[in-house]
Amino acid sequence: MIRVILCDDHAVLRRGIRDTLCECTDIEVTGEAGSYAELRDLLRTAACDVLLLDLSMPGRGGLEVLASLRETGSPIKVLVVSMYPEDQYALRSLRAGAQGYANKAGAPEDLITAVRTVMQGRKYLTPEVAQMLAESVAQPTPAVPHETLSEREMQTLVKIASGKRLSEIAEELMLSPKTVSVYRARVLEKLQLANNAELTVYAIRNALV
């Protein structure tokens, strides 16, 4: 039996994933969490072989959770399930320690295959991600400026480009507006941009939103 924990801040999406997985006789959903704090408490009491992890959550984001699990030497296998574009976030997730990356818009049977694949100790890659990985090895491309951003800086970039105000971003990420403002300043500096308008144009040109 594959014991799975779902970590996503959207209850409706968790319900859909749970319903999909519960149709399988070899998969059991042992718990759900909507934030890193909830996940941390849940992992103390619930058995878990595979963690289905969203990237964008309040508090610590998905990449930070991956880093935390890696630091503690956790044997849990992580499958990132996200709506973020694969060409921008899949390789980033794999480099951070994830065993696979699946898109929330994918077919239910693909998600089931992904869970079983990572449980077997293998990487789960969609054909698109596999192609990107092959190309990155065969012909390394020059690093783009946003690859130097931390996870929080990347989240701030994407949310500003999506039209959110700093106060809204602070509430979603469970940070103070002052902290978000600092992240915004770092993003503008690293990307050599002057304002939110230029930031939005950059995000669109690089398919980040």
C-alpha atoms as a PDB file:
ATOM      1  CA  MET A   1       0.000   0.000   0.000  1.00  0.00           C
ATOM      2  CA  ILE A   2       1.323   3.433  -0.978  1.00  0.00           C
ATOM      3  CA  ARG A   3       0.639   5.920   1.816  1.00  0.00           C
ATOM      4  CA  VAL A   4       0.128   9.449   0.466  1.00  0.00           C
ATOM      5  CA  ILE A   5      -0.170  12.862   2.120  1.00  0.00           C
ATOM      6  CA  LEU A   6      -1.583  15.820   0.190  1.00  0.00           C
ATOM      7  CA  CYS A   7      -0.194  19.304   0.823  1.00  0.00           C
ATOM      8  CA  ASP A   8      -2.050  22.074  -1.007  1.00  0.00           C
ATOM      9  CA  ASP A   9      -3.717  25.204   0.341  1.00  0.00           C
ATOM     10  CA  HIS A  10      -6.792  24.741  -1.875  1.00  0.00           C
ATOM     11  CA  ALA A  11      -9.232  22.344  -0.204  1.00  0.00           C
ATOM     12  CA  VAL A  12     -11.247  21.812  -3.386  1.00  0.00           C
ATOM     13  CA  LEU A  13      -8.168  20.692  -5.312  1.00  0.00           C
ATOM     14  CA  ARG A  14      -7.144  18.404  -2.462  1.00  0.00           C
ATOM     15  CA  ARG A  15     -10.600  16.833  -2.565  1.00  0.00           C
ATOM     16  CA  GLY A  16     -10.300  16.187  -6.296  1.00  0.00           C
ATOM     17  CA  ILE A  17      -6.870  14.594  -5.930  1.00  0.00           C
ATOM     18  CA  ARG A  18      -8.038  12.520  -2.960  1.00  0.00           C
ATOM     19  CA  ASP A  19     -11.039  11.222  -4.914  1.00  0.00           C
ATOM     20  CA  THR A  20      -8.761  10.287  -7.823  1.00  0.00           C
ATOM     21  CA  LEU A  21      -6.271   8.418  -5.661  1.00  0.00           C
ATOM     22  CA  CYS A  22      -8.889   6.688  -3.511  1.00  0.00           C
ATOM     23  CA  GLU A  23     -10.124   4.830  -6.593  1.00  0.00           C
ATOM     24  CA  CYS A  24      -6.867   2.847  -6.506  1.00  0.00           C
ATOM     25  CA  THR A  25      -6.653  -0.219  -4.295  1.00  0.00           C
ATOM     26  CA  ASP A  26      -2.900   0.217  -3.809  1.00  0.00           C
ATOM     27  CA  ILE A  27      -2.985   3.880  -2.692  1.00  0.00           C
ATOM     28  CA  GLU A  28      -4.170   5.268   0.653  1.00  0.00           C
ATOM     29  CA  VAL A  29      -4.415   8.988   1.486  1.00  0.00           C
ATOM     30  CA  THR A  30      -3.294   9.183   5.118  1.00  0.00           C
ATOM     31  CA  GLY A  31      -3.608  12.931   5.620  1.00  0.00           C
ATOM     32  CA  GLU A  32      -4.032  16.422   4.182  1.00  0.00           C
ATOM     33  CA  ALA A  33      -2.337  19.722   4.952  1.00  0.00           C
ATOM     34  CA  GLY A  34      -2.950  23.259   3.742  1.00  0.00           C
ATOM     35  CA  SER A  35       0.370  24.775   4.843  1.00  0.00           C
ATOM     36  CA  TYR A  36       3.872  23.845   5.913  1.00  0.00           C
ATOM     37  CA  ALA A  37       2.918  24.224   9.571  1.00  0.00           C
ATOM     38  CA  GLU A  38       0.065  21.744   9.153  1.00  0.00           C
ATOM     39  CA  LEU A  39       2.292  19.399   7.162  1.00  0.00           C
ATOM     40  CA  ARG A  40       5.013  19.473   9.813  1.00  0.00           C
ATOM     41  CA  ASP A  41       2.527  18.479  12.513  1.00  0.00           C
ATOM     42  CA  LEU A  42       0.921  15.855  10.288  1.00  0.00           C
ATOM     43  CA  LEU A  43       4.208  14.125   9.493  1.00  0.00           C
ATOM     44  CA  ARG A  44       4.698  13.470  13.215  1.00  0.00           C
ATOM     45  CA  THR A  45       1.585  11.307  13.375  1.00  0.00           C
ATOM     46  CA  ALA A  46       0.670  10.094   9.873  1.00  0.00           C
ATOM     47  CA  ALA A  47       2.572   7.522   7.824  1.00  0.00           C
ATOM     48  CA  CYS A  48       3.757   8.802   4.465  1.00  0.00           C
ATOM     49  CA  ASP A  49       5.596   7.224   1.546  1.00  0.00           C
ATOM     50  CA  VAL A  50       4.802   9.855  -1.072  1.00  0.00           C
ATOM     51  CA  LEU A  51       4.083  13.543  -0.467  1.00  0.00           C
ATOM     52  CA  LEU A  52       2.067  15.376  -3.122  1.00  0.00           C
ATOM     53  CA  LEU A  53       3.258  18.956  -2.748  1.00  0.00           C
ATOM     54  CA  ASP A  54       2.043  22.227  -4.211  1.00  0.00           C
ATOM     55  CA  LEU A  55       4.650  24.937  -4.826  1.00  0.00           C
ATOM     56  CA  SER A  56       2.629  27.985  -3.799  1.00  0.00           C
ATOM     57  CA  MET A  57       1.408  27.887  -0.214  1.00  0.00           C
ATOM     58  CA  PRO A  58       1.134  30.266   2.754  1.00  0.00           C
ATOM     59  CA  GLY A  59       4.155  30.265   5.018  1.00  0.00           C
ATOM     60  CA  ARG A  60       6.932  28.171   3.524  1.00  0.00           C
ATOM     61  CA  GLY A  61       6.591  27.459  -0.173  1.00  0.00           C
ATOM     62  CA  GLY A  62       7.086  24.117  -1.856  1.00  0.00           C
ATOM     63  CA  LEU A  63      10.764  24.544  -2.678  1.00  0.00           C
ATOM     64  CA  GLU A  64      11.473  25.482   0.930  1.00  0.00           C
ATOM     65  CA  VAL A  65       9.621  22.365   2.094  1.00  0.00           C
ATOM     66  CA  LEU A  66      11.774  20.284  -0.253  1.00  0.00           C
ATOM     67  CA  ALA A  67      14.913  21.856   1.186  1.00  0.00           C
ATOM     68  CA  SER A  68      13.717  21.163   4.740  1.00  0.00           C
ATOM     69  CA  LEU A  69      12.992  17.498   3.981  1.00  0.00           C
ATOM     70  CA  ARG A  70      16.374  17.096   2.325  1.00  0.00           C
ATOM     71  CA  GLU A  71      18.171  18.682   5.285  1.00  0.00           C
ATOM     72  CA  THR A  72      16.534  16.270   7.728  1.00  0.00           C
ATOM     73  CA  GLY A  73      17.303  13.249   5.556  1.00  0.00           C
ATOM     74  CA  SER A  74      13.635  12.338   5.223  1.00  0.00           C
ATOM     75  CA  PRO A  75      12.983   9.175   3.178  1.00  0.00           C
ATOM     76  CA  ILE A  76       9.660  10.571   1.945  1.00  0.00           C
ATOM     77  CA  LYS A  77       9.416  10.779  -1.838  1.00  0.00           C
ATOM     78  CA  VAL A  78       8.027  14.079  -3.100  1.00  0.00           C
ATOM     79  CA  LEU A  79       5.875  14.568  -6.173  1.00  0.00           C
ATOM     80  CA  VAL A  80       5.311  18.249  -6.946  1.00  0.00           C
ATOM     81  CA  VAL A  81       1.805  18.870  -8.295  1.00  0.00           C
ATOM     82  CA  SER A  82       1.457  22.434  -9.513  1.00  0.00           C
ATOM     83  CA  MET A  83      -0.230  24.774 -11.962  1.00  0.00           C
ATOM     84  CA  TYR A  84       3.038  26.619 -12.613  1.00  0.00           C
ATOM     85  CA  PRO A  85       4.441  26.304 -16.168  1.00  0.00           C
ATOM     86  CA  GLU A  86       6.573  23.184 -16.526  1.00  0.00           C
ATOM     87  CA  ASP A  87       9.235  24.985 -18.532  1.00  0.00           C
ATOM     88  CA  GLN A  88       9.902  27.314 -15.616  1.00  0.00           C
ATOM     89  CA  TYR A  89       9.332  25.232 -12.511  1.00  0.00           C
ATOM     90  CA  ALA A  90       9.740  21.517 -13.264  1.00  0.00           C
ATOM     91  CA  LEU A  91      13.535  21.485 -13.473  1.00  0.00           C
ATOM     92  CA  ARG A  92      13.708  23.886 -10.543  1.00  0.00           C
ATOM     93  CA  SER A  93      11.678  21.424  -8.455  1.00  0.00           C
ATOM     94  CA  LEU A  94      13.743  18.403  -9.515  1.00  0.00           C
ATOM     95  CA  ARG A  95      16.970  20.198  -8.654  1.00  0.00           C
ATOM     96  CA  ALA A  96      15.517  21.015  -5.227  1.00  0.00           C
ATOM     97  CA  GLY A  97      14.992  17.319  -4.515  1.00  0.00           C
ATOM     98  CA  ALA A  98      11.581  16.369  -5.908  1.00  0.00           C
ATOM     99  CA  GLN A  99      11.221  12.908  -7.463  1.00  0.00           C
ATOM    100  CA  GLY A 100       8.701  14.107 -10.001  1.00  0.00           C
ATOM    101  CA  TYR A 101       6.638  17.010 -11.328  1.00  0.00           C
ATOM    102  CA  ALA A 102       3.011  16.750 -12.457  1.00  0.00           C
ATOM    103  CA  ASN A 103       0.696  19.462 -13.692  1.00  0.00           C
ATOM    104  CA  LYS A 104      -2.667  19.868 -11.955  1.00  0.00           C
ATOM    105  CA  ALA A 105      -4.301  20.197 -15.348  1.00  0.00           C
ATOM    106  CA  GLY A 106      -3.093  16.745 -16.372  1.00  0.00           C
ATOM    107  CA  ALA A 107      -5.235  13.634 -16.695  1.00  0.00           C
ATOM    108  CA  PRO A 108      -6.125  11.768 -13.454  1.00  0.00           C
ATOM    109  CA  GLU A 109      -4.486   8.576 -14.716  1.00  0.00           C
ATOM    110  CA  ASP A 110      -1.227  10.498 -15.177  1.00  0.00           C
ATOM    111  CA  LEU A 111      -1.270  11.498 -11.515  1.00  0.00           C
ATOM    112  CA  ILE A 112      -1.802   7.877 -10.452  1.00  0.00           C
ATOM    113  CA  THR A 113       1.084   6.796 -12.682  1.00  0.00           C
ATOM    114  CA  ALA A 114       3.253   9.529 -11.173  1.00  0.00           C
ATOM    115  CA  VAL A 115       2.586   8.360  -7.603  1.00  0.00           C
ATOM    116  CA  ARG A 116       3.394   4.753  -8.458  1.00  0.00           C
ATOM    117  CA  THR A 117       6.515   5.759 -10.374  1.00  0.00           C
ATOM    118  CA  VAL A 118       8.107   7.797  -7.576  1.00  0.00           C
ATOM    119  CA  MET A 119       7.166   5.099  -5.053  1.00  0.00           C
ATOM    120  CA  GLN A 120       9.300   2.704  -7.089  1.00  0.00           C
ATOM    121  CA  GLY A 121      12.263   5.020  -6.638  1.00  0.00           C
ATOM    122  CA  ARG A 122      12.170   6.347 -10.185  1.00  0.00           C
ATOM    123  CA  LYS A 123      11.786   9.912 -11.426  1.00  0.00           C
ATOM    124  CA  TYR A 124       8.440  10.882 -12.909  1.00  0.00           C
ATOM    125  CA  LEU A 125       8.815  13.145 -15.924  1.00  0.00           C
ATOM    126  CA  THR A 126       6.213  14.132 -18.462  1.00  0.00           C
ATOM    127  CA  PRO A 127       7.432  13.923 -22.079  1.00  0.00           C
ATOM    128  CA  GLU A 128       7.746  17.723 -22.099  1.00  0.00           C
ATOM    129  CA  VAL A 129       9.920  17.797 -18.970  1.00  0.00           C
ATOM    130  CA  ALA A 130      12.025  14.875 -20.194  1.00  0.00           C
ATOM    131  CA  GLN A 131      12.688  16.769 -23.420  1.00  0.00           C
ATOM    132  CA  MET A 132      13.668  19.910 -21.506  1.00  0.00           C
ATOM    133  CA  LEU A 133      15.980  17.893 -19.289  1.00  0.00           C
ATOM    134  CA  ALA A 134      17.632  16.258 -22.289  1.00  0.00           C
ATOM    135  CA  GLU A 135      18.135  19.606 -23.975  1.00  0.00           C
ATOM    136  CA  SER A 136      19.572  21.173 -20.826  1.00  0.00           C
ATOM    137  CA  VAL A 137      22.158  18.389 -20.654  1.00  0.00           C
ATOM    138  CA  ALA A 138      22.980  18.303 -24.353  1.00  0.00           C
ATOM    139  CA  GLN A 139      23.068  22.048 -24.885  1.00  0.00           C
ATOM    140  CA  PRO A 140      23.290  24.013 -21.635  1.00  0.00           C
ATOM    141  CA  THR A 141      21.549  27.332 -22.116  1.00  0.00           C
ATOM    142  CA  PRO A 142      22.796  30.577 -20.571  1.00  0.00           C
ATOM    143  CA  ALA A 143      21.196  31.264 -17.209  1.00  0.00           C
ATOM    144  CA  VAL A 144      18.374  33.782 -17.329  1.00  0.00           C
ATOM    145  CA  PRO A 145      18.211  36.488 -14.649  1.00  0.00           C
ATOM    146  CA  HIS A 146      15.195  35.082 -12.795  1.00  0.00           C
ATOM    147  CA  GLU A 147      17.002  31.804 -12.138  1.00  0.00           C
ATOM    148  CA  THR A 148      19.032  33.684  -9.518  1.00  0.00           C
ATOM    149  CA  LEU A 149      15.895  34.502  -7.504  1.00  0.00           C
ATOM    150  CA  SER A 150      15.082  32.726  -4.257  1.00  0.00           C
ATOM    151  CA  GLU A 151      11.730  30.980  -3.969  1.00  0.00           C
ATOM    152  CA  ARG A 152      10.173  33.884  -2.067  1.00  0.00           C
ATOM    153  CA  GLU A 153      11.512  36.369  -4.605  1.00  0.00           C
ATOM    154  CA  MET A 154      10.119  34.248  -7.433  1.00  0.00           C
ATOM    155  CA  GLN A 155       6.724  34.050  -5.714  1.00  0.00           C
ATOM    156  CA  THR A 156       6.731  37.823  -5.242  1.00  0.00           C
ATOM    157  CA  LEU A 157       7.616  38.344  -8.907  1.00  0.00           C
ATOM    158  CA  VAL A 158       4.823  36.080 -10.137  1.00  0.00           C
ATOM    159  CA  LYS A 159       2.191  37.540  -7.829  1.00  0.00           C
ATOM    160  CA  ILE A 160       3.053  41.160  -8.672  1.00  0.00           C
ATOM    161  CA  ALA A 161       2.989  40.306 -12.373  1.00  0.00           C
ATOM    162  CA  SER A 162      -0.436  38.743 -11.810  1.00  0.00           C
ATOM    163  CA  GLY A 163      -1.736  42.093 -10.576  1.00  0.00           C
ATOM    164  CA  LYS A 164      -1.702  41.535  -6.830  1.00  0.00           C
ATOM    165  CA  ARG A 165      -0.932  44.361  -4.397  1.00  0.00           C
ATOM    166  CA  LEU A 166       1.822  44.017  -1.810  1.00  0.00           C
ATOM    167  CA  SER A 167      -0.763  43.792   0.985  1.00  0.00           C
ATOM    168  CA  GLU A 168      -2.502  40.903  -0.804  1.00  0.00           C
ATOM    169  CA  ILE A 169       0.800  39.124  -1.385  1.00  0.00           C
ATOM    170  CA  ALA A 170       1.745  39.575   2.279  1.00  0.00           C
ATOM    171  CA  GLU A 171      -1.529  38.013   3.379  1.00  0.00           C
ATOM    172  CA  GLU A 172      -1.236  35.065   0.980  1.00  0.00           C
ATOM    173  CA  LEU A 173       2.364  34.303   1.952  1.00  0.00           C
ATOM    174  CA  MET A 174       1.768  35.016   5.649  1.00  0.00           C
ATOM    175  CA  LEU A 175       4.472  37.688   5.665  1.00  0.00           C
ATOM    176  CA  SER A 176       4.530  41.340   6.683  1.00  0.00           C
ATOM    177  CA  PRO A 177       4.026  43.959   3.921  1.00  0.00           C
ATOM    178  CA  LYS A 178       7.496  45.301   4.803  1.00  0.00           C
ATOM    179  CA  THR A 179       9.066  41.902   4.129  1.00  0.00           C
ATOM    180  CA  VAL A 180       7.275  41.587   0.789  1.00  0.00           C
ATOM    181  CA  SER A 181       8.478  45.078  -0.095  1.00  0.00           C
ATOM    182  CA  VAL A 182      12.046  43.941   0.584  1.00  0.00           C
ATOM    183  CA  TYR A 183      11.553  40.944  -1.714  1.00  0.00           C
ATOM    184  CA  ARG A 184      10.175  43.236  -4.411  1.00  0.00           C
ATOM    185  CA  ALA A 185      13.218  45.501  -4.136  1.00  0.00           C
ATOM    186  CA  ARG A 186      15.544  42.500  -4.439  1.00  0.00           C
ATOM    187  CA  VAL A 187      13.695  41.257  -7.520  1.00  0.00           C
ATOM    188  CA  LEU A 188      13.916  44.644  -9.221  1.00  0.00           C
ATOM    189  CA  GLU A 189      17.611  44.853  -8.416  1.00  0.00           C
ATOM    190  CA  LYS A 190      18.486  41.338  -9.587  1.00  0.00           C
ATOM    191  CA  LEU A 191      16.502  41.693 -12.808  1.00  0.00           C
ATOM    192  CA  GLN A 192      17.668  45.277 -13.339  1.00  0.00           C
ATOM    193  CA  LEU A 193      14.114  46.572 -13.603  1.00  0.00           C
ATOM    194  CA  ALA A 194      12.723  49.923 -12.507  1.00  0.00           C
ATOM    195  CA  ASN A 195       9.098  49.304 -11.544  1.00  0.00           C
ATOM    196  CA  ASN A 196       6.150  46.909 -11.448  1.00  0.00           C
ATOM    197  CA  ALA A 197       5.256  47.600 -15.074  1.00  0.00           C
ATOM    198  CA  GLU A 198       8.676  46.464 -16.293  1.00  0.00           C
ATOM    199  CA  LEU A 199       8.491  43.508 -13.909  1.00  0.00           C
ATOM    200  CA  THR A 200       5.166  42.443 -15.408  1.00  0.00           C
ATOM    201  CA  VAL A 201       6.498  42.700 -18.949  1.00  0.00           C
ATOM    202  CA  TYR A 202       9.523  40.596 -17.955  1.00  0.00           C
ATOM    203  CA  ALA A 203       7.306  37.907 -16.400  1.00  0.00           C
ATOM    204  CA  ILE A 204       5.108  37.712 -19.498  1.00  0.00           C
ATOM    205  CA  ARG A 205       8.065  37.555 -21.901  1.00  0.00           C
ATOM    206  CA  ASN A 206       9.585  34.724 -19.899  1.00  0.00           C
ATOM    207  CA  ALA A 207       6.301  32.799 -19.561  1.00  0.00           C
ATOM    208  CA  LEU A 208       6.263  33.092 -15.774  1.00  0.00           C
ATOM    209  CA  VAL A 209       2.578  34.032 -15.720  1.00  0.00           C
END
